[in-house]
PDB file of N, CA and C in Angstrom:
ATOM      1  N   UNK A   1      84.345  92.237  70.729  1.00  0.00           N
ATOM      2  CA  UNK A   1      84.620  93.602  70.317  1.00  0.00           C
ATOM      3  C   UNK A   1      83.387  94.453  70.585  1.00  0.00           C
ATOM      4  N   UNK A   2      83.622  95.691  70.974  1.00  0.00           N
ATOM      5  CA  UNK A   2      82.515  96.605  71.241  1.00  0.00           C
ATOM      6  C   UNK A   2      82.200  97.411  69.986  1.00  0.00           C
ATOM      7  N   UNK A   3      81.356  98.378  70.119  1.00  0.00           N
ATOM      8  CA  UNK A   3      80.950  99.216  69.001  1.00  0.00           C
ATOM      9  C   UNK A   3      82.152  99.921  68.370  1.00  0.00           C
ATOM     10  N   UNK A   4      82.195  99.962  67.060  1.00  0.00           N
ATOM     11  CA  UNK A   4      83.247 100.669  66.332  1.00  0.00           C
ATOM     12  C   UNK A   4      82.991 102.173  66.412  1.00  0.00           C
ATOM     13  N   UNK A   5      84.054 102.944  66.655  1.00  0.00           N
ATOM     14  CA  UNK A   5      83.948 104.402  66.675  1.00  0.00           C
ATOM     15  C   UNK A   5      84.876 104.984  65.617  1.00  0.00           C
ATOM     16  N   UNK A   6      84.643 106.226  65.291  1.00  0.00           N
ATOM     17  CA  UNK A   6      85.497 106.896  64.306  1.00  0.00           C
ATOM     18  C   UNK A   6      86.715 107.490  65.003  1.00  0.00           C
ATOM     19  N   UNK A   7      87.718 107.844  64.207  1.00  0.00           N
ATOM     20  CA  UNK A   7      88.888 108.510  64.766  1.00  0.00           C
ATOM     21  C   UNK A   7      88.463 109.830  65.399  1.00  0.00           C
ATOM     22  N   UNK A   8      87.486 110.498  64.806  1.00  0.00           N
ATOM     23  CA  UNK A   8      86.973 111.754  65.373  1.00  0.00           C
ATOM     24  C   UNK A   8      86.429 111.525  66.788  1.00  0.00           C
ATOM     25  N   UNK A   9      85.704 110.421  66.988  1.00  0.00           N
ATOM     26  CA  UNK A   9      85.206 110.083  68.319  1.00  0.00           C
ATOM     27  C   UNK A   9      86.379 109.888  69.291  1.00  0.00           C
ATOM     28  N   UNK A  10      87.369 109.116  68.873  1.00  0.00           N
ATOM     29  CA  UNK A  10      88.522 108.846  69.728  1.00  0.00           C
ATOM     30  C   UNK A  10      89.286 110.129  70.062  1.00  0.00           C
ATOM     31  N   UNK A  11      89.381 111.035  69.105  1.00  0.00           N
ATOM     32  CA  UNK A  11      90.151 112.268  69.325  1.00  0.00           C
ATOM     33  C   UNK A  11      89.521 113.174  70.379  1.00  0.00           C
ATOM     34  N   UNK A  12      88.280 112.917  70.755  1.00  0.00           N
ATOM     35  CA  UNK A  12      87.626 113.702  71.811  1.00  0.00           C
ATOM     36  C   UNK A  12      88.107 113.307  73.200  1.00  0.00           C
ATOM     37  N   UNK A  13      88.705 112.134  73.329  1.00  0.00           N
ATOM     38  CA  UNK A  13      89.181 111.647  74.625  1.00  0.00           C
ATOM     39  C   UNK A  13      90.518 112.307  74.938  1.00  0.00           C
ATOM     40  N   UNK A  14      90.619 112.898  76.121  1.00  0.00           N
ATOM     41  CA  UNK A  14      91.847 113.578  76.537  1.00  0.00           C
ATOM     42  C   UNK A  14      92.571 112.711  77.567  1.00  0.00           C
ATOM     43  N   UNK A  15      93.533 111.932  77.091  1.00  0.00           N
ATOM     44  CA  UNK A  15      94.324 111.063  77.962  1.00  0.00           C
ATOM     45  C   UNK A  15      95.604 111.778  78.347  1.00  0.00           C
ATOM     46  N   UNK A  16      95.899 111.802  79.635  1.00  0.00           N
ATOM     47  CA  UNK A  16      97.079 112.505  80.140  1.00  0.00           C
ATOM     48  C   UNK A  16      97.810 111.669  81.177  1.00  0.00           C
ATOM     49  N   UNK A  17      99.078 112.012  81.363  1.00  0.00           N
ATOM     50  CA  UNK A  17      99.906 111.400  82.403  1.00  0.00           C
ATOM     51  C   UNK A  17      99.809 112.265  83.655  1.00  0.00           C
ATOM     52  N   UNK A  18      99.624 111.592  84.787  1.00  0.00           N
ATOM     53  CA  UNK A  18      99.604 112.295  86.065  1.00  0.00           C
ATOM     54  C   UNK A  18     100.332 111.477  87.114  1.00  0.00           C
ATOM     55  N   UNK A  19     100.713 112.148  88.200  1.00  0.00           N
ATOM     56  CA  UNK A  19     101.377 111.485  89.313  1.00  0.00           C
ATOM     57  C   UNK A  19     100.456 111.491  90.526  1.00  0.00           C
ATOM     58  N   UNK A  20     100.264 110.317  91.117  1.00  0.00           N
ATOM     59  CA  UNK A  20      99.432 110.203  92.314  1.00  0.00           C
ATOM     60  C   UNK A  20     100.189 110.815  93.486  1.00  0.00           C
ATOM     61  N   UNK A  21      99.593 111.835  94.101  1.00  0.00           N
ATOM     62  CA  UNK A  21     100.276 112.541  95.196  1.00  0.00           C
ATOM     63  C   UNK A  21      99.635 112.275  96.565  1.00  0.00           C
ATOM     64  N   UNK A  22      98.423 111.726  96.578  1.00  0.00           N
ATOM     65  CA  UNK A  22      97.769 111.339  97.828  1.00  0.00           C
ATOM     66  C   UNK A  22      96.917 110.100  97.584  1.00  0.00           C
ATOM     67  N   UNK A  23      96.890 109.216  98.569  1.00  0.00           N
ATOM     68  CA  UNK A  23      96.089 107.993  98.498  1.00  0.00           C
ATOM     69  C   UNK A  23      95.447 107.772  99.867  1.00  0.00           C
ATOM     70  N   UNK A  24      94.158 107.444  99.862  1.00  0.00           N
ATOM     71  CA  UNK A  24      93.499 107.075 101.116  1.00  0.00           C
ATOM     72  C   UNK A  24      92.411 106.055 100.832  1.00  0.00           C
ATOM     73  N   UNK A  25      92.061 105.266 101.842  1.00  0.00           N
ATOM     74  CA  UNK A  25      90.984 104.294 101.691  1.00  0.00           C
ATOM     75  C   UNK A  25      89.666 105.021 101.496  1.00  0.00           C
ATOM     76  N   UNK A  26      88.841 104.498 100.602  1.00  0.00           N
ATOM     77  CA  UNK A  26      87.520 105.055 100.326  1.00  0.00           C
ATOM     78  C   UNK A  26      86.510 104.187 101.078  1.00  0.00           C
ATOM     79  N   UNK A  27      86.367 104.463 102.350  1.00  0.00           N
ATOM     80  CA  UNK A  27      85.563 103.614 103.230  1.00  0.00           C
ATOM     81  C   UNK A  27      84.079 103.633 102.904  1.00  0.00           C
ATOM     82  N   UNK A  28      83.575 104.697 102.288  1.00  0.00           N
ATOM     83  CA  UNK A  28      82.154 104.803 101.963  1.00  0.00           C
ATOM     84  C   UNK A  28      81.779 104.049 100.685  1.00  0.00           C
ATOM     85  N   UNK A  29      82.740 103.628  99.915  1.00  0.00           N
ATOM     86  CA  UNK A  29      82.474 102.915  98.652  1.00  0.00           C
ATOM     87  C   UNK A  29      81.883 101.534  98.935  1.00  0.00           C
ATOM     88  N   UNK A  30      81.023 101.067  98.031  1.00  0.00           N
ATOM     89  CA  UNK A  30      80.408  99.742  98.188  1.00  0.00           C
ATOM     90  C   UNK A  30      81.424  98.616  98.009  1.00  0.00           C
ATOM     91  N   UNK A  31      82.377  98.812  97.094  1.00  0.00           N
ATOM     92  CA  UNK A  31      83.448  97.835  96.873  1.00  0.00           C
ATOM     93  C   UNK A  31      84.751  98.486  97.317  1.00  0.00           C
ATOM     94  N   UNK A  32      85.734  97.709  97.788  1.00  0.00           N
ATOM     95  CA  UNK A  32      86.998  98.292  98.243  1.00  0.00           C
ATOM     96  C   UNK A  32      87.622  99.180  97.166  1.00  0.00           C
ATOM     97  N   UNK A  33      88.005 100.386  97.568  1.00  0.00           N
ATOM     98  CA  UNK A  33      88.570 101.356  96.623  1.00  0.00           C
ATOM     99  C   UNK A  33      89.458 102.346  97.369  1.00  0.00           C
ATOM    100  N   UNK A  34      90.241 103.084  96.576  1.00  0.00           N
ATOM    101  CA  UNK A  34      91.054 104.179  97.100  1.00  0.00           C
ATOM    102  C   UNK A  34      90.523 105.496  96.556  1.00  0.00           C
ATOM    103  N   UNK A  35      90.747 106.550  97.322  1.00  0.00           N
ATOM    104  CA  UNK A  35      90.596 107.924  96.831  1.00  0.00           C
ATOM    105  C   UNK A  35      91.998 108.363  96.417  1.00  0.00           C
ATOM    106  N   UNK A  36      92.125 108.848  95.186  1.00  0.00           N
ATOM    107  CA  UNK A  36      93.420 109.271  94.653  1.00  0.00           C
ATOM    108  C   UNK A  36      93.403 110.761  94.365  1.00  0.00           C
ATOM    109  N   UNK A  37      94.478 111.440  94.688  1.00  0.00           N
ATOM    110  CA  UNK A  37      94.687 112.824  94.284  1.00  0.00           C
ATOM    111  C   UNK A  37      95.855 112.795  93.309  1.00  0.00           C
ATOM    112  N   UNK A  38      95.630 113.352  92.104  1.00  0.00           N
ATOM    113  CA  UNK A  38      96.587 113.193  91.004  1.00  0.00           C
ATOM    114  C   UNK A  38      97.000 114.554  90.464  1.00  0.00           C
ATOM    115  N   UNK A  39      98.310 114.747  90.309  1.00  0.00           N
ATOM    116  CA  UNK A  39      98.873 115.988  89.775  1.00  0.00           C
ATOM    117  C   UNK A  39      99.032 115.836  88.260  1.00  0.00           C
ATOM    118  N   UNK A  40      98.323 116.690  87.512  1.00  0.00           N
ATOM    119  CA  UNK A  40      98.415 116.696  86.049  1.00  0.00           C
ATOM    120  C   UNK A  40      99.157 117.934  85.540  1.00  0.00           C
ATOM    121  N   UNK A  41     100.117 118.424  86.292  1.00  0.00           N
ATOM    122  CA  UNK A  41     100.925 119.552  85.854  1.00  0.00           C
ATOM    123  C   UNK A  41     100.085 120.790  85.631  1.00  0.00           C
ATOM    124  N   UNK A  42     100.206 121.398  84.432  1.00  0.00           N
ATOM    125  CA  UNK A  42      99.483 122.626  84.108  1.00  0.00           C
ATOM    126  C   UNK A  42      97.963 122.458  84.135  1.00  0.00           C
ATOM    127  N   UNK A  43      97.468 121.212  84.021  1.00  0.00           N
ATOM    128  CA  UNK A  43      96.027 120.961  84.089  1.00  0.00           C
ATOM    129  C   UNK A  43      95.513 120.993  85.517  1.00  0.00           C
ATOM    130  N   UNK A  44      96.415 120.945  86.485  1.00  0.00           N
ATOM    131  CA  UNK A  44      96.037 121.022  87.886  1.00  0.00           C
ATOM    132  C   UNK A  44      95.915 119.677  88.565  1.00  0.00           C
ATOM    133  N   UNK A  45      95.329 119.711  89.744  1.00  0.00           N
ATOM    134  CA  UNK A  45      95.144 118.544  90.584  1.00  0.00           C
ATOM    135  C   UNK A  45      93.719 118.032  90.390  1.00  0.00           C
ATOM    136  N   UNK A  46      93.580 116.723  90.201  1.00  0.00           N
ATOM    137  CA  UNK A  46      92.257 116.117  90.051  1.00  0.00           C
ATOM    138  C   UNK A  46      92.150 114.924  90.994  1.00  0.00           C
ATOM    139  N   UNK A  47      90.911 114.597  91.347  1.00  0.00           N
ATOM    140  CA  UNK A  47      90.642 113.478  92.243  1.00  0.00           C
ATOM    141  C   UNK A  47      89.937 112.360  91.482  1.00  0.00           C
ATOM    142  N   UNK A  48      90.192 111.130  91.918  1.00  0.00           N
ATOM    143  CA  UNK A  48      89.562 109.975  91.308  1.00  0.00           C
ATOM    144  C   UNK A  48      89.419 108.891  92.359  1.00  0.00           C
ATOM    145  N   UNK A  49      88.508 107.970  92.109  1.00  0.00           N
ATOM    146  CA  UNK A  49      88.445 106.771  92.947  1.00  0.00           C
ATOM    147  C   UNK A  49      88.793 105.587  92.052  1.00  0.00           C
ATOM    148  N   UNK A  50      89.379 104.567  92.666  1.00  0.00           N
ATOM    149  CA  UNK A  50      89.800 103.411  91.879  1.00  0.00           C
ATOM    150  C   UNK A  50      89.688 102.146  92.714  1.00  0.00           C
ATOM    151  N   UNK A  51      89.073 101.126  92.135  1.00  0.00           N
ATOM    152  CA  UNK A  51      88.926  99.829  92.793  1.00  0.00           C
ATOM    153  C   UNK A  51      90.151  98.964  92.479  1.00  0.00           C
ATOM    154  N   UNK A  52      91.269  99.326  93.074  1.00  0.00           N
ATOM    155  CA  UNK A  52      92.540  98.659  92.785  1.00  0.00           C
ATOM    156  C   UNK A  52      93.219  98.163  94.060  1.00  0.00           C
ATOM    157  N   UNK A  53      92.441  97.982  95.121  1.00  0.00           N
ATOM    158  CA  UNK A  53      93.016  97.603  96.412  1.00  0.00           C
ATOM    159  C   UNK A  53      93.570  96.187  96.446  1.00  0.00           C
ATOM    160  N   UNK A  54      93.110  95.321  95.542  1.00  0.00           N
ATOM    161  CA  UNK A  54      93.580  93.929  95.576  1.00  0.00           C
ATOM    162  C   UNK A  54      95.012  93.787  95.055  1.00  0.00           C
ATOM    163  N   UNK A  55      95.455  94.701  94.225  1.00  0.00           N
ATOM    164  CA  UNK A  55      96.813  94.604  93.664  1.00  0.00           C
ATOM    165  C   UNK A  55      97.779  95.678  94.147  1.00  0.00           C
ATOM    166  N   UNK A  56      97.262  96.785  94.658  1.00  0.00           N
ATOM    167  CA  UNK A  56      98.115  97.915  95.006  1.00  0.00           C
ATOM    168  C   UNK A  56      97.878  98.365  96.445  1.00  0.00           C
ATOM    169  N   UNK A  57      98.961  98.611  97.162  1.00  0.00           N
ATOM    170  CA  UNK A  57      98.859  99.209  98.492  1.00  0.00           C
ATOM    171  C   UNK A  57      98.948 100.728  98.321  1.00  0.00           C
ATOM    172  N   UNK A  58      98.626 101.448  99.376  1.00  0.00           N
ATOM    173  CA  UNK A  58      98.747 102.907  99.325  1.00  0.00           C
ATOM    174  C   UNK A  58     100.186 103.303  99.005  1.00  0.00           C
ATOM    175  N   UNK A  59     101.161 102.590  99.577  1.00  0.00           N
ATOM    176  CA  UNK A  59     102.568 102.899  99.339  1.00  0.00           C
ATOM    177  C   UNK A  59     102.970 102.630  97.887  1.00  0.00           C
ATOM    178  N   UNK A  60     102.388 101.572  97.279  1.00  0.00           N
ATOM    179  CA  UNK A  60     102.668 101.269  95.866  1.00  0.00           C
ATOM    180  C   UNK A  60     102.231 102.414  94.964  1.00  0.00           C
ATOM    181  N   UNK A  61     101.121 103.071  95.334  1.00  0.00           N
ATOM    182  CA  UNK A  61     100.516 104.074  94.463  1.00  0.00           C
ATOM    183  C   UNK A  61     101.110 105.460  94.628  1.00  0.00           C
ATOM    184  N   UNK A  62     101.577 105.785  95.818  1.00  0.00           N
ATOM    185  CA  UNK A  62     102.092 107.122  96.066  1.00  0.00           C
ATOM    186  C   UNK A  62     103.282 107.418  95.154  1.00  0.00           C
ATOM    187  N   UNK A  63     103.205 108.514  94.426  1.00  0.00           N
ATOM    188  CA  UNK A  63     104.225 108.992  93.472  1.00  0.00           C
ATOM    189  C   UNK A  63     104.293 108.163  92.191  1.00  0.00           C
ATOM    190  N   UNK A  64     103.306 107.306  91.960  1.00  0.00           N
ATOM    191  CA  UNK A  64     103.252 106.497  90.730  1.00  0.00           C
ATOM    192  C   UNK A  64     102.629 107.335  89.611  1.00  0.00           C
ATOM    193  N   UNK A  65     103.232 107.297  88.431  1.00  0.00           N
ATOM    194  CA  UNK A  65     102.633 107.947  87.263  1.00  0.00           C
ATOM    195  C   UNK A  65     101.629 107.003  86.622  1.00  0.00           C
ATOM    196  N   UNK A  66     100.496 107.586  86.212  1.00  0.00           N
ATOM    197  CA  UNK A  66      99.408 106.792  85.637  1.00  0.00           C
ATOM    198  C   UNK A  66      98.873 107.497  84.391  1.00  0.00           C
ATOM    199  N   UNK A  67      98.020 106.796  83.644  1.00  0.00           N
ATOM    200  CA  UNK A  67      97.305 107.361  82.503  1.00  0.00           C
ATOM    201  C   UNK A  67      95.857 107.543  82.929  1.00  0.00           C
ATOM    202  N   UNK A  68      95.278 108.709  82.606  1.00  0.00           N
ATOM    203  CA  UNK A  68      93.886 108.958  82.960  1.00  0.00           C
ATOM    204  C   UNK A  68      93.196 109.791  81.891  1.00  0.00           C
ATOM    205  N   UNK A  69      91.889 109.580  81.788  1.00  0.00           N
ATOM    206  CA  UNK A  69      91.062 110.456  80.956  1.00  0.00           C
ATOM    207  C   UNK A  69      90.670 111.637  81.834  1.00  0.00           C
ATOM    208  N   UNK A  70      90.970 112.851  81.364  1.00  0.00           N
ATOM    209  CA  UNK A  70      90.728 114.036  82.188  1.00  0.00           C
ATOM    210  C   UNK A  70      89.552 114.882  81.712  1.00  0.00           C
ATOM    211  N   UNK A  71      88.846 114.460  80.660  1.00  0.00           N
ATOM    212  CA  UNK A  71      87.738 115.295  80.177  1.00  0.00           C
ATOM    213  C   UNK A  71      86.371 114.630  80.263  1.00  0.00           C
ATOM    214  N   UNK A  72      86.212 113.645  81.148  1.00  0.00           N
ATOM    215  CA  UNK A  72      84.886 113.136  81.464  1.00  0.00           C
ATOM    216  C   UNK A  72      84.192 114.123  82.397  1.00  0.00           C
ATOM    217  N   UNK A  73      82.882 114.079  82.430  1.00  0.00           N
ATOM    218  CA  UNK A  73      82.138 114.823  83.446  1.00  0.00           C
ATOM    219  C   UNK A  73      82.448 114.204  84.802  1.00  0.00           C
ATOM    220  N   UNK A  74      82.360 115.010  85.859  1.00  0.00           N
ATOM    221  CA  UNK A  74      82.548 114.470  87.206  1.00  0.00           C
ATOM    222  C   UNK A  74      81.527 113.382  87.472  1.00  0.00           C
ATOM    223  N   UNK A  75      81.935 112.372  88.244  1.00  0.00           N
ATOM    224  CA  UNK A  75      81.034 111.281  88.598  1.00  0.00           C
ATOM    225  C   UNK A  75      80.948 111.197  90.112  1.00  0.00           C
ATOM    226  N   UNK A  76      79.734 111.293  90.626  1.00  0.00           N
ATOM    227  CA  UNK A  76      79.521 111.196  92.065  1.00  0.00           C
ATOM    228  C   UNK A  76      79.516 109.730  92.480  1.00  0.00           C
ATOM    229  N   UNK A  77      80.407 109.369  93.393  1.00  0.00           N
ATOM    230  CA  UNK A  77      80.490 108.016  93.918  1.00  0.00           C
ATOM    231  C   UNK A  77      80.389 108.148  95.438  1.00  0.00           C
ATOM    232  N   UNK A  78      79.272 107.693  95.985  1.00  0.00           N
ATOM    233  CA  UNK A  78      78.968 107.896  97.413  1.00  0.00           C
ATOM    234  C   UNK A  78      79.060 109.394  97.691  1.00  0.00           C
ATOM    235  N   UNK A  79      79.899 109.801  98.628  1.00  0.00           N
ATOM    236  CA  UNK A  79      80.028 111.216  98.971  1.00  0.00           C
ATOM    237  C   UNK A  79      81.250 111.866  98.321  1.00  0.00           C
ATOM    238  N   UNK A  80      81.723 111.315  97.224  1.00  0.00           N
ATOM    239  CA  UNK A  80      82.981 111.724  96.602  1.00  0.00           C
ATOM    240  C   UNK A  80      82.759 112.035  95.124  1.00  0.00           C
ATOM    241  N   UNK A  81      83.337 113.126  94.654  1.00  0.00           N
ATOM    242  CA  UNK A  81      83.230 113.506  93.252  1.00  0.00           C
ATOM    243  C   UNK A  81      84.514 113.128  92.523  1.00  0.00           C
ATOM    244  N   UNK A  82      84.428 112.135  91.634  1.00  0.00           N
ATOM    245  CA  UNK A  82      85.572 111.682  90.862  1.00  0.00           C
ATOM    246  C   UNK A  82      85.687 112.578  89.624  1.00  0.00           C
ATOM    247  N   UNK A  83      86.861 113.184  89.411  1.00  0.00           N
ATOM    248  CA  UNK A  83      87.061 114.180  88.357  1.00  0.00           C
ATOM    249  C   UNK A  83      87.801 113.654  87.134  1.00  0.00           C
ATOM    250  N   UNK A  84      88.302 112.436  87.199  1.00  0.00           N
ATOM    251  CA  UNK A  84      88.999 111.840  86.057  1.00  0.00           C
ATOM    252  C   UNK A  84      88.893 110.329  86.187  1.00  0.00           C
ATOM    253  N   UNK A  85      89.209 109.628  85.107  1.00  0.00           N
ATOM    254  CA  UNK A  85      89.136 108.169  85.103  1.00  0.00           C
ATOM    255  C   UNK A  85      90.535 107.601  84.892  1.00  0.00           C
ATOM    256  N   UNK A  86      91.050 106.941  85.913  1.00  0.00           N
ATOM    257  CA  UNK A  86      92.350 106.294  85.826  1.00  0.00           C
ATOM    258  C   UNK A  86      92.180 105.025  85.001  1.00  0.00           C
ATOM    259  N   UNK A  87      93.086 104.801  84.046  1.00  0.00           N
ATOM    260  CA  UNK A  87      92.944 103.670  83.130  1.00  0.00           C
ATOM    261  C   UNK A  87      93.754 102.461  83.572  1.00  0.00           C
ATOM    262  N   UNK A  88      93.180 101.302  83.306  1.00  0.00           N
ATOM    263  CA  UNK A  88      93.859 100.058  83.620  1.00  0.00           C
ATOM    264  C   UNK A  88      93.334  98.942  82.746  1.00  0.00           C
ATOM    265  N   UNK A  89      94.086  97.874  82.710  1.00  0.00           N
ATOM    266  CA  UNK A  89      93.662  96.657  82.008  1.00  0.00           C
ATOM    267  C   UNK A  89      92.980  95.774  83.036  1.00  0.00           C
ATOM    268  N   UNK A  90      91.779  95.300  82.695  1.00  0.00           N
ATOM    269  CA  UNK A  90      91.043  94.509  83.684  1.00  0.00           C
ATOM    270  C   UNK A  90      90.873  93.071  83.225  1.00  0.00           C
ATOM    271  N   UNK A  91      90.895  92.207  84.201  1.00  0.00           N
ATOM    272  CA  UNK A  91      90.687  90.783  83.965  1.00  0.00           C
ATOM    273  C   UNK A  91      90.705  90.054  85.289  1.00  0.00           C
ATOM    274  N   UNK A  92      89.965  89.005  85.397  1.00  0.00           N
ATOM    275  CA  UNK A  92      89.905  88.228  86.635  1.00  0.00           C
ATOM    276  C   UNK A  92      89.573  89.105  87.843  1.00  0.00           C
ATOM    277  N   UNK A  93      88.704  90.085  87.648  1.00  0.00           N
ATOM    278  CA  UNK A  93      88.266  90.985  88.719  1.00  0.00           C
ATOM    279  C   UNK A  93      89.382  91.863  89.273  1.00  0.00           C
ATOM    280  N   UNK A  94      90.483  91.993  88.551  1.00  0.00           N
ATOM    281  CA  UNK A  94      91.598  92.831  88.989  1.00  0.00           C
ATOM    282  C   UNK A  94      91.903  93.845  87.901  1.00  0.00           C
ATOM    283  N   UNK A  95      92.360  95.020  88.326  1.00  0.00           N
ATOM    284  CA  UNK A  95      92.721  96.071  87.383  1.00  0.00           C
ATOM    285  C   UNK A  95      94.207  96.369  87.532  1.00  0.00           C
ATOM    286  N   UNK A  96      94.934  96.296  86.424  1.00  0.00           N
ATOM    287  CA  UNK A  96      96.354  96.635  86.391  1.00  0.00           C
ATOM    288  C   UNK A  96      96.469  98.006  85.740  1.00  0.00           C
ATOM    289  N   UNK A  97      97.038  98.951  86.474  1.00  0.00           N
ATOM    290  CA  UNK A  97      97.124 100.323  85.979  1.00  0.00           C
ATOM    291  C   UNK A  97      97.993 100.439  84.733  1.00  0.00           C
ATOM    292  N   UNK A  98      97.581 101.330  83.829  1.00  0.00           N
ATOM    293  CA  UNK A  98      98.407 101.677  82.678  1.00  0.00           C
ATOM    294  C   UNK A  98      99.341 102.792  83.116  1.00  0.00           C
ATOM    295  N   UNK A  99     100.627 102.592  82.899  1.00  0.00           N
ATOM    296  CA  UNK A  99     101.639 103.532  83.385  1.00  0.00           C
ATOM    297  C   UNK A  99     102.710 103.732  82.311  1.00  0.00           C
ATOM    298  N   UNK A 100     103.281 104.935  82.239  1.00  0.00           N
ATOM    299  CA  UNK A 100     104.398 105.117  81.296  1.00  0.00           C
ATOM    300  C   UNK A 100     105.607 104.316  81.761  1.00  0.00           C
ATOM    301  N   UNK A 101     106.373 103.847  80.805  1.00  0.00           N
ATOM    302  CA  UNK A 101     107.564 103.049  81.108  1.00  0.00           C
ATOM    303  C   UNK A 101     108.656 103.903  81.752  1.00  0.00           C
ATOM    304  N   UNK A 102     108.773 105.152  81.293  1.00  0.00           N
ATOM    305  CA  UNK A 102     109.737 106.105  81.852  1.00  0.00           C
ATOM    306  C   UNK A 102     108.970 107.316  82.360  1.00  0.00           C
ATOM    307  N   UNK A 103     109.578 108.050  83.268  1.00  0.00           N
ATOM    308  CA  UNK A 103     108.965 109.251  83.811  1.00  0.00           C
ATOM    309  C   UNK A 103     108.833 110.329  82.727  1.00  0.00           C
ATOM    310  N   UNK A 104     107.670 110.960  82.682  1.00  0.00           N
ATOM    311  CA  UNK A 104     107.417 112.058  81.753  1.00  0.00           C
ATOM    312  C   UNK A 104     106.770 113.195  82.537  1.00  0.00           C
ATOM    313  N   UNK A 105     106.771 114.422  82.006  1.00  0.00           N
ATOM    314  CA  UNK A 105     106.154 115.520  82.738  1.00  0.00           C
ATOM    315  C   UNK A 105     104.660 115.279  82.959  1.00  0.00           C
ATOM    316  N   UNK A 106     104.182 115.637  84.157  1.00  0.00           N
ATOM    317  CA  UNK A 106     102.757 115.545  84.436  1.00  0.00           C
ATOM    318  C   UNK A 106     101.983 116.413  83.450  1.00  0.00           C
ATOM    319  N   UNK A 107     100.867 115.882  82.975  1.00  0.00           N
ATOM    320  CA  UNK A 107     100.051 116.590  81.999  1.00  0.00           C
ATOM    321  C   UNK A 107     100.375 116.232  80.565  1.00  0.00           C
ATOM    322  N   UNK A 108     101.424 115.420  80.353  1.00  0.00           N
ATOM    323  CA  UNK A 108     101.777 115.012  78.992  1.00  0.00           C
ATOM    324  C   UNK A 108     100.604 114.286  78.360  1.00  0.00           C
ATOM    325  N   UNK A 109     100.298 114.655  77.135  1.00  0.00           N
ATOM    326  CA  UNK A 109      99.197 114.044  76.391  1.00  0.00           C
ATOM    327  C   UNK A 109      99.595 112.657  75.877  1.00  0.00           C
ATOM    328  N   UNK A 110      98.657 111.723  75.943  1.00  0.00           N
ATOM    329  CA  UNK A 110      98.881 110.381  75.422  1.00  0.00           C
ATOM    330  C   UNK A 110      98.245 110.327  74.046  1.00  0.00           C
ATOM    331  N   UNK A 111      99.025 109.913  73.056  1.00  0.00           N
ATOM    332  CA  UNK A 111      98.474 109.877  71.678  1.00  0.00           C
ATOM    333  C   UNK A 111      98.738 108.536  71.039  1.00  0.00           C
TER     334      UNK A 111
END
């Protein structure tokens, strides 16, 4: 278990549903990754990188709804600015994306 946080700390995290609308290989990354463009509805379009190439093809990801944190500061990765953090469960060096079971509007808050 990691450090315990308060509910107030957790409430600062803005988790939203978005749909991946573009996927491309991130060739400049040190580890295999994709560049993702994600539609968050009224929140707009955000970009992210994700090291998920071992389980997902570009076709698997296109139009897939995912869960992401949208209020982190941008993170520079090689020559790319990642604007949100796509969430997944990790184990055995693989990341399985967290996704809604049914389709919901882009930008829907996760609570």
